[in-house]
Protein backbone atom coordinates (compact mmCIF):
# COMPACT_ATOMS: atom_id res chain seq x y z
CA UNK A 1 2.34 -15.14 -17.17
CA UNK A 2 3.47 -14.04 -13.70
CA UNK A 3 5.36 -16.66 -11.67
CA UNK A 4 3.65 -15.64 -8.41
CA UNK A 5 0.31 -14.09 -7.40
CA UNK A 6 0.36 -10.35 -8.02
CA UNK A 7 -0.95 -7.74 -5.65
CA UNK A 8 -3.65 -5.46 -6.99
CA UNK A 9 -1.23 -2.59 -7.72
CA UNK A 10 1.08 -4.96 -9.60
CA UNK A 11 -1.85 -6.25 -11.67
CA UNK A 12 -2.80 -2.66 -12.48
CA UNK A 13 0.71 -1.89 -13.67
CA UNK A 14 0.75 -5.05 -15.81
CA UNK A 15 -2.65 -4.25 -17.33
CA UNK A 16 -1.64 -0.66 -18.10
CA UNK A 17 1.64 -1.81 -19.66
CA UNK A 18 -0.04 -4.39 -21.90
CA UNK A 19 -2.76 -1.96 -22.97
CA UNK A 20 -0.18 0.73 -23.69
CA UNK A 21 1.89 -1.65 -25.81
CA UNK A 22 -0.92 -3.34 -27.74
CA UNK A 23 -3.82 -0.91 -27.83
CA UNK A 24 -6.85 -3.21 -27.45
CA UNK A 25 -6.35 -6.35 -25.35
CA UNK A 26 -8.80 -9.27 -24.81
CA UNK A 27 -9.66 -10.07 -21.19
CA UNK A 28 -8.32 -13.61 -21.64
CA UNK A 29 -4.90 -12.24 -22.49
CA UNK A 30 -4.85 -10.12 -19.33
CA UNK A 31 -5.69 -13.22 -17.31
CA UNK A 32 -2.72 -15.02 -18.86
CA UNK A 33 -0.38 -12.05 -18.36
CA UNK A 34 -1.23 -11.59 -14.68
CA UNK A 35 -2.06 -15.14 -13.62
CA UNK A 36 -5.11 -13.71 -11.84
CA UNK A 37 -8.64 -15.07 -11.86
CA UNK A 38 -11.25 -13.75 -14.24
CA UNK A 39 -13.13 -12.25 -11.28
CA UNK A 40 -10.03 -10.35 -10.12
CA UNK A 41 -9.36 -8.99 -13.60
CA UNK A 42 -12.98 -7.86 -13.96
CA UNK A 43 -12.72 -5.97 -10.66
CA UNK A 44 -9.42 -4.42 -11.76
CA UNK A 45 -10.90 -3.27 -15.06
CA UNK A 46 -13.91 -1.71 -13.33
CA UNK A 47 -11.62 0.30 -11.04
CA UNK A 48 -9.22 1.31 -13.83
CA UNK A 49 -12.13 2.34 -16.03
CA UNK A 50 -13.43 4.56 -13.21
CA UNK A 51 -10.09 6.40 -13.17
CA UNK A 52 -10.08 6.85 -16.96
CA UNK A 53 -6.91 4.81 -17.42
CA UNK A 54 -8.69 2.23 -19.60
CA UNK A 55 -11.94 1.92 -21.52
CA UNK A 56 -13.85 -1.34 -21.49
CA UNK A 57 -14.94 -2.62 -24.90
CA UNK A 58 -16.68 -5.80 -26.04
CA UNK A 59 -14.46 -8.74 -25.14
CA UNK A 60 -11.58 -6.67 -23.83
CA UNK A 61 -10.15 -3.31 -22.86
CA UNK A 62 -8.39 -0.41 -24.58
CA UNK A 63 -6.38 2.64 -23.57
CA UNK A 64 -8.51 5.29 -21.88
CA UNK A 65 -8.29 9.11 -21.84
CA UNK A 66 -6.43 9.10 -18.51
CA UNK A 67 -3.87 6.43 -19.40
CA UNK A 68 -0.34 7.21 -18.27
CA UNK A 69 3.12 5.67 -18.54
CA UNK A 70 4.32 2.64 -16.58
CA UNK A 71 5.81 4.89 -13.91
CA UNK A 72 3.69 7.40 -12.05
CA UNK A 73 2.64 10.10 -14.48
CA UNK A 74 3.09 13.11 -12.23
CA UNK A 75 6.17 15.32 -12.03
CA UNK A 76 8.94 14.46 -9.63
CA UNK A 77 8.62 16.05 -6.20
CA UNK A 78 11.84 18.03 -6.53
CA UNK A 79 10.87 19.43 -9.93
CA UNK A 80 7.35 20.33 -8.78
CA UNK A 81 8.77 22.28 -5.81
CA UNK A 82 10.54 24.69 -8.16
CA UNK A 83 7.29 25.99 -9.70
CA UNK A 84 5.49 28.99 -8.17
CA UNK A 85 7.21 28.65 -4.80
CA UNK A 86 6.04 32.01 -3.42
CA UNK A 87 2.43 31.21 -4.28
CA UNK A 88 2.64 27.73 -2.79
CA UNK A 89 4.14 28.99 0.45
CA UNK A 90 1.49 31.67 0.81
CA UNK A 91 -1.33 29.21 0.17
CA UNK A 92 0.15 26.58 2.51
CA UNK A 93 0.70 29.14 5.26
CA UNK A 94 -3.00 30.00 5.23
CA UNK A 95 -3.88 26.30 5.31
CA UNK A 96 -1.62 25.62 8.29
CA UNK A 97 -3.16 28.54 10.17
CA UNK A 98 -6.55 26.83 9.97
CA UNK A 99 -5.33 23.85 12.02
CA UNK A 100 -6.25 23.66 15.71
CA UNK A 101 -4.07 21.84 18.25
CA UNK A 102 -5.54 18.44 19.02
CA UNK A 103 -7.08 18.02 15.58
CA UNK A 104 -6.70 14.90 13.46
CA UNK A 105 -5.82 15.85 9.89
CA UNK A 106 -4.70 14.27 6.63
CA UNK A 107 -2.12 15.89 4.35
CA UNK A 108 -1.74 14.33 0.93
CA UNK A 109 1.57 14.23 -0.91
CA UNK A 110 2.33 17.32 -2.95
CA UNK A 111 4.73 20.20 -3.40
CA UNK A 112 2.15 22.71 -2.14
CA UNK A 113 1.10 20.70 0.90
CA UNK A 114 4.78 20.18 1.74
CA UNK A 115 5.00 23.92 2.43
CA UNK A 116 2.62 23.38 5.39
CA UNK A 117 5.41 21.57 7.25
CA UNK A 118 7.35 24.54 8.64
CA UNK A 119 4.37 26.33 10.25
CA UNK A 120 3.01 23.01 11.56
CA UNK A 121 6.23 22.08 13.36
CA UNK A 122 5.16 24.20 16.34
CA UNK A 123 1.74 22.56 16.59
CA UNK A 124 0.31 19.48 18.36
CA UNK A 125 -1.72 17.53 15.81
CA UNK A 126 -2.45 13.96 14.75
CA UNK A 127 -1.30 13.89 11.13
CA UNK A 128 -1.72 11.13 8.57
CA UNK A 129 0.26 11.68 5.38
CA UNK A 130 1.27 9.59 2.38
CA UNK A 131 4.21 11.92 1.70
CA UNK A 132 7.58 10.62 2.83
CA UNK A 133 9.19 14.13 2.90
CA UNK A 134 6.29 15.57 4.92
CA UNK A 135 6.44 12.73 7.45
CA UNK A 136 10.23 12.95 7.71
CA UNK A 137 10.25 16.72 8.20
CA UNK A 138 7.47 16.65 10.82
CA UNK A 139 9.20 13.87 12.73
CA UNK A 140 12.47 15.82 12.83
CA UNK A 141 11.01 18.61 14.93
CA UNK A 142 7.92 19.35 16.98
CA UNK A 143 5.31 17.44 18.95
CA UNK A 144 2.94 16.32 16.22
CA UNK A 145 1.92 12.66 16.13
CA UNK A 146 2.71 11.47 12.59
CA UNK A 147 1.31 8.38 10.85
CA UNK A 148 1.95 6.99 7.37
CA UNK A 149 0.12 4.28 5.43
CA UNK A 150 1.84 1.04 4.57
CA UNK A 151 3.02 0.58 1.02
CA UNK A 152 5.76 1.22 -1.49
CA UNK A 153 7.70 4.48 -1.64
CA UNK A 154 7.89 5.90 -5.16
CA UNK A 155 11.18 7.75 -5.03
CA UNK A 156 10.54 10.19 -7.87
CA UNK A 157 7.33 11.57 -6.38
CA UNK A 158 8.34 10.72 -2.76
CA UNK A 159 4.88 9.26 -2.22
CA UNK A 160 3.79 6.14 -0.34
CA UNK A 161 1.19 4.04 -2.15
CA UNK A 162 -0.39 0.92 -0.73
CA UNK A 163 -1.31 -2.02 -2.99
CA UNK A 164 -4.02 -3.11 -0.56
CA UNK A 165 -7.64 -2.01 -0.15
CA UNK A 166 -7.63 -3.15 3.48
CA UNK A 167 -4.83 -1.22 5.16
CA UNK A 168 -4.16 0.82 8.30
CA UNK A 169 -5.80 4.04 7.12
CA UNK A 170 -9.28 2.51 7.29
CA UNK A 171 -9.15 3.01 11.06
CA UNK A 172 -8.16 6.70 10.90
CA UNK A 173 -10.75 9.45 11.36
CA UNK A 174 -9.78 12.99 10.37
CA UNK A 175 -11.49 16.32 10.88
CA UNK A 176 -10.07 17.67 7.63
CA UNK A 177 -7.93 16.62 4.68
CA UNK A 178 -5.57 19.11 3.08
CA UNK A 179 -4.95 18.21 -0.54
CA UNK A 180 -3.15 19.53 -3.59
CA UNK A 181 -3.76 18.21 -7.09
CA UNK A 182 -2.75 18.36 -10.74
CA UNK A 183 -5.58 20.75 -11.52
CA UNK A 184 -8.98 22.00 -10.37
CA UNK A 185 -11.85 22.56 -12.78
CA UNK A 186 -15.62 22.29 -13.31
CA UNK A 187 -15.46 18.48 -13.08
CA UNK A 188 -13.69 18.66 -9.72
CA UNK A 189 -10.28 17.72 -8.36
CA UNK A 190 -8.14 16.28 -11.18
CA UNK A 191 -5.03 14.08 -11.07
CA UNK A 192 -2.78 12.79 -13.85
CA UNK A 193 -2.08 9.28 -12.58
CA UNK A 194 -4.64 6.55 -11.73
CA UNK A 195 -2.65 5.12 -8.82
CA UNK A 196 -2.27 8.52 -7.17
CA UNK A 197 -5.95 9.27 -7.78
CA UNK A 198 -7.02 6.00 -6.19
CA UNK A 199 -4.82 6.62 -3.14
CA UNK A 200 -6.38 10.06 -2.69
CA UNK A 201 -9.90 8.63 -2.93
CA UNK A 202 -9.04 6.24 -0.10
CA UNK A 203 -7.72 9.09 2.04
CA UNK A 204 -10.79 11.21 1.31
CA UNK A 205 -13.04 8.55 2.80
CA UNK A 206 -11.36 9.12 6.17
CA UNK A 207 -11.97 12.90 6.36
CA UNK A 208 -15.05 14.98 7.15
CA UNK A 209 -13.94 18.10 5.29
CA UNK A 210 -11.73 18.65 2.26
CA UNK A 211 -9.54 21.73 1.86
CA UNK A 212 -7.85 21.99 -1.54
CA UNK A 213 -4.61 23.96 -1.87
CA UNK A 214 -4.00 25.22 -5.40
CA UNK A 215 -1.83 28.03 -6.66
CA UNK A 216 -3.47 29.95 -9.50
CA UNK A 217 -1.69 27.92 -12.22
CA UNK A 218 -3.68 24.82 -11.18
CA UNK A 219 -6.83 26.17 -12.81
CA UNK A 220 -5.23 25.44 -16.17
CA UNK A 221 -6.36 22.01 -17.49
CA UNK A 222 -3.92 19.21 -16.63
CA UNK A 223 -4.57 15.55 -15.97
CA UNK A 224 -7.62 13.51 -16.92
CA UNK A 225 -8.70 11.59 -13.81
CA UNK A 226 -11.41 12.99 -11.53
CA UNK A 227 -10.65 12.29 -7.86
CA UNK A 228 -13.83 13.91 -6.57
CA UNK A 229 -16.44 16.44 -7.73
CA UNK A 230 -16.51 20.05 -6.55
CA UNK A 231 -19.42 19.14 -4.27
CA UNK A 232 -16.96 17.20 -2.06
CA UNK A 233 -14.75 20.28 -1.56
CA UNK A 234 -15.42 22.48 1.48
CA UNK A 235 -12.72 25.12 0.99
CA UNK A 236 -10.25 26.15 -1.70
CA UNK A 237 -7.18 28.20 -0.81
CA UNK A 238 -5.53 29.87 -3.79
CA UNK A 239 -3.54 33.02 -4.54
CA UNK A 240 -4.53 36.43 -5.82
CA UNK A 241 -3.54 35.65 -9.41
CA UNK A 242 -6.50 33.29 -9.83
CA UNK A 243 -8.79 34.46 -12.63
CA UNK A 244 -12.26 35.88 -11.88
CA UNK A 245 -13.72 33.03 -13.97
CA UNK A 246 -12.04 30.42 -11.78
CA UNK A 247 -13.21 32.06 -8.58
CA UNK A 248 -16.75 32.37 -9.96
CA UNK A 249 -16.74 28.65 -10.77
CA UNK A 250 -15.87 27.83 -7.16
CA UNK A 251 -18.43 30.23 -5.69
CA UNK A 252 -21.15 28.80 -7.93
CA UNK A 253 -20.38 25.37 -6.45
CA UNK A 254 -20.90 26.73 -2.93
CA UNK A 255 -17.21 26.46 -1.99
CA UNK A 256 -15.57 28.75 0.54
CA UNK A 257 -12.69 30.51 -1.22
CA UNK A 258 -9.71 31.90 0.71
CA UNK A 259 -7.25 33.99 -1.27
CA UNK A 260 -3.65 34.36 -0.15
CA UNK A 261 -2.40 37.77 -1.19
CA UNK A 262 1.10 37.05 -2.49
CA UNK A 263 3.39 40.05 -2.15
CA UNK A 264 7.09 40.66 -2.74
CA UNK A 265 9.12 39.32 0.13
CA UNK A 266 7.41 37.33 2.87
CA UNK A 267 4.32 39.51 3.26
CA UNK A 268 0.99 37.72 2.77
CA UNK A 269 -2.57 38.14 3.93
CA UNK A 270 -5.70 36.05 3.58
CA UNK A 271 -8.97 37.22 2.07
CA UNK A 272 -12.17 35.20 2.18
CA UNK A 273 -13.94 35.65 -1.14
C-alpha cells in the first residue's frame, strides 16, 4: 500500500504495473495497492478502460489490448526524429504555412510537429505545447508567446504530462491544434500509450479545428488507443508517398487532404487532394 495519497497519474501507473505483473486483479487489491478509495479506483478503471489499457471483468480488471509498459510506450523523441526526416519536414512546413499571425494554436509533442518550429520562429502566435523541445526552441528565438501545461517532464519522449484533470490548459482557447500521432486509420487518430492519449484528448477539447500531420508511414497500423475518430479531424497533411487507399479513406470521411510533394533536396510543394 502507498504511504501517501497518490495523484491520478501515479494511481494509473500502479494499476498498470499490477495488472501487467498479475494478469487479472480484483478491485480490492488495487485499493490496497494504491491506498485510494473505491470510488477513485472505479473512476480510474473507467478512464483506463476507455483508452484500451485495461479491460474490466467481473470483480476486477485485466490487461487490455492497448496495455503498455510501465514507462511511456512510445519511441524516444531523439529516435523518432531519425525516421523519414525529409517527409516530416515537408509536412510540417505546409502546416506552419497555414498559421496566421495573431492566432492561438496548440502543437502537441511529436517528432513531426517539432519540424514546425523553424518556420514558426518568424511568426507572432500564441502557442500552447506539451513538448519541452518545441517550447524551448520557440522561446530561444522569435516573438511567439509560448505556454506549457504544468506536469512532469518525461525525458525519453521530452513530453510534459499533467497528473491533474483541473490544470491551466482548461482556460486556453485555440483556433487550431496541430497534432502528430502513432498512426492514422479508419478508427481515427491512434496512439500507443494511454497517458499520452489522455493528454491529447485534453488538448483537443481546447481547439476548434484539428490538423493532423502524418508522413506516409503513419498509415501503417501501430498503437491500439483511439484518441479521436476521423470525424474530429478537419485536415490531414501527408506526403506524396501515401497510398491511394489511405487518401480515399480520408476523403470518404470528409477530411481535407493536403499533400506535401517531397522532392530531392529542399524542394517541396503542396497539393490539396
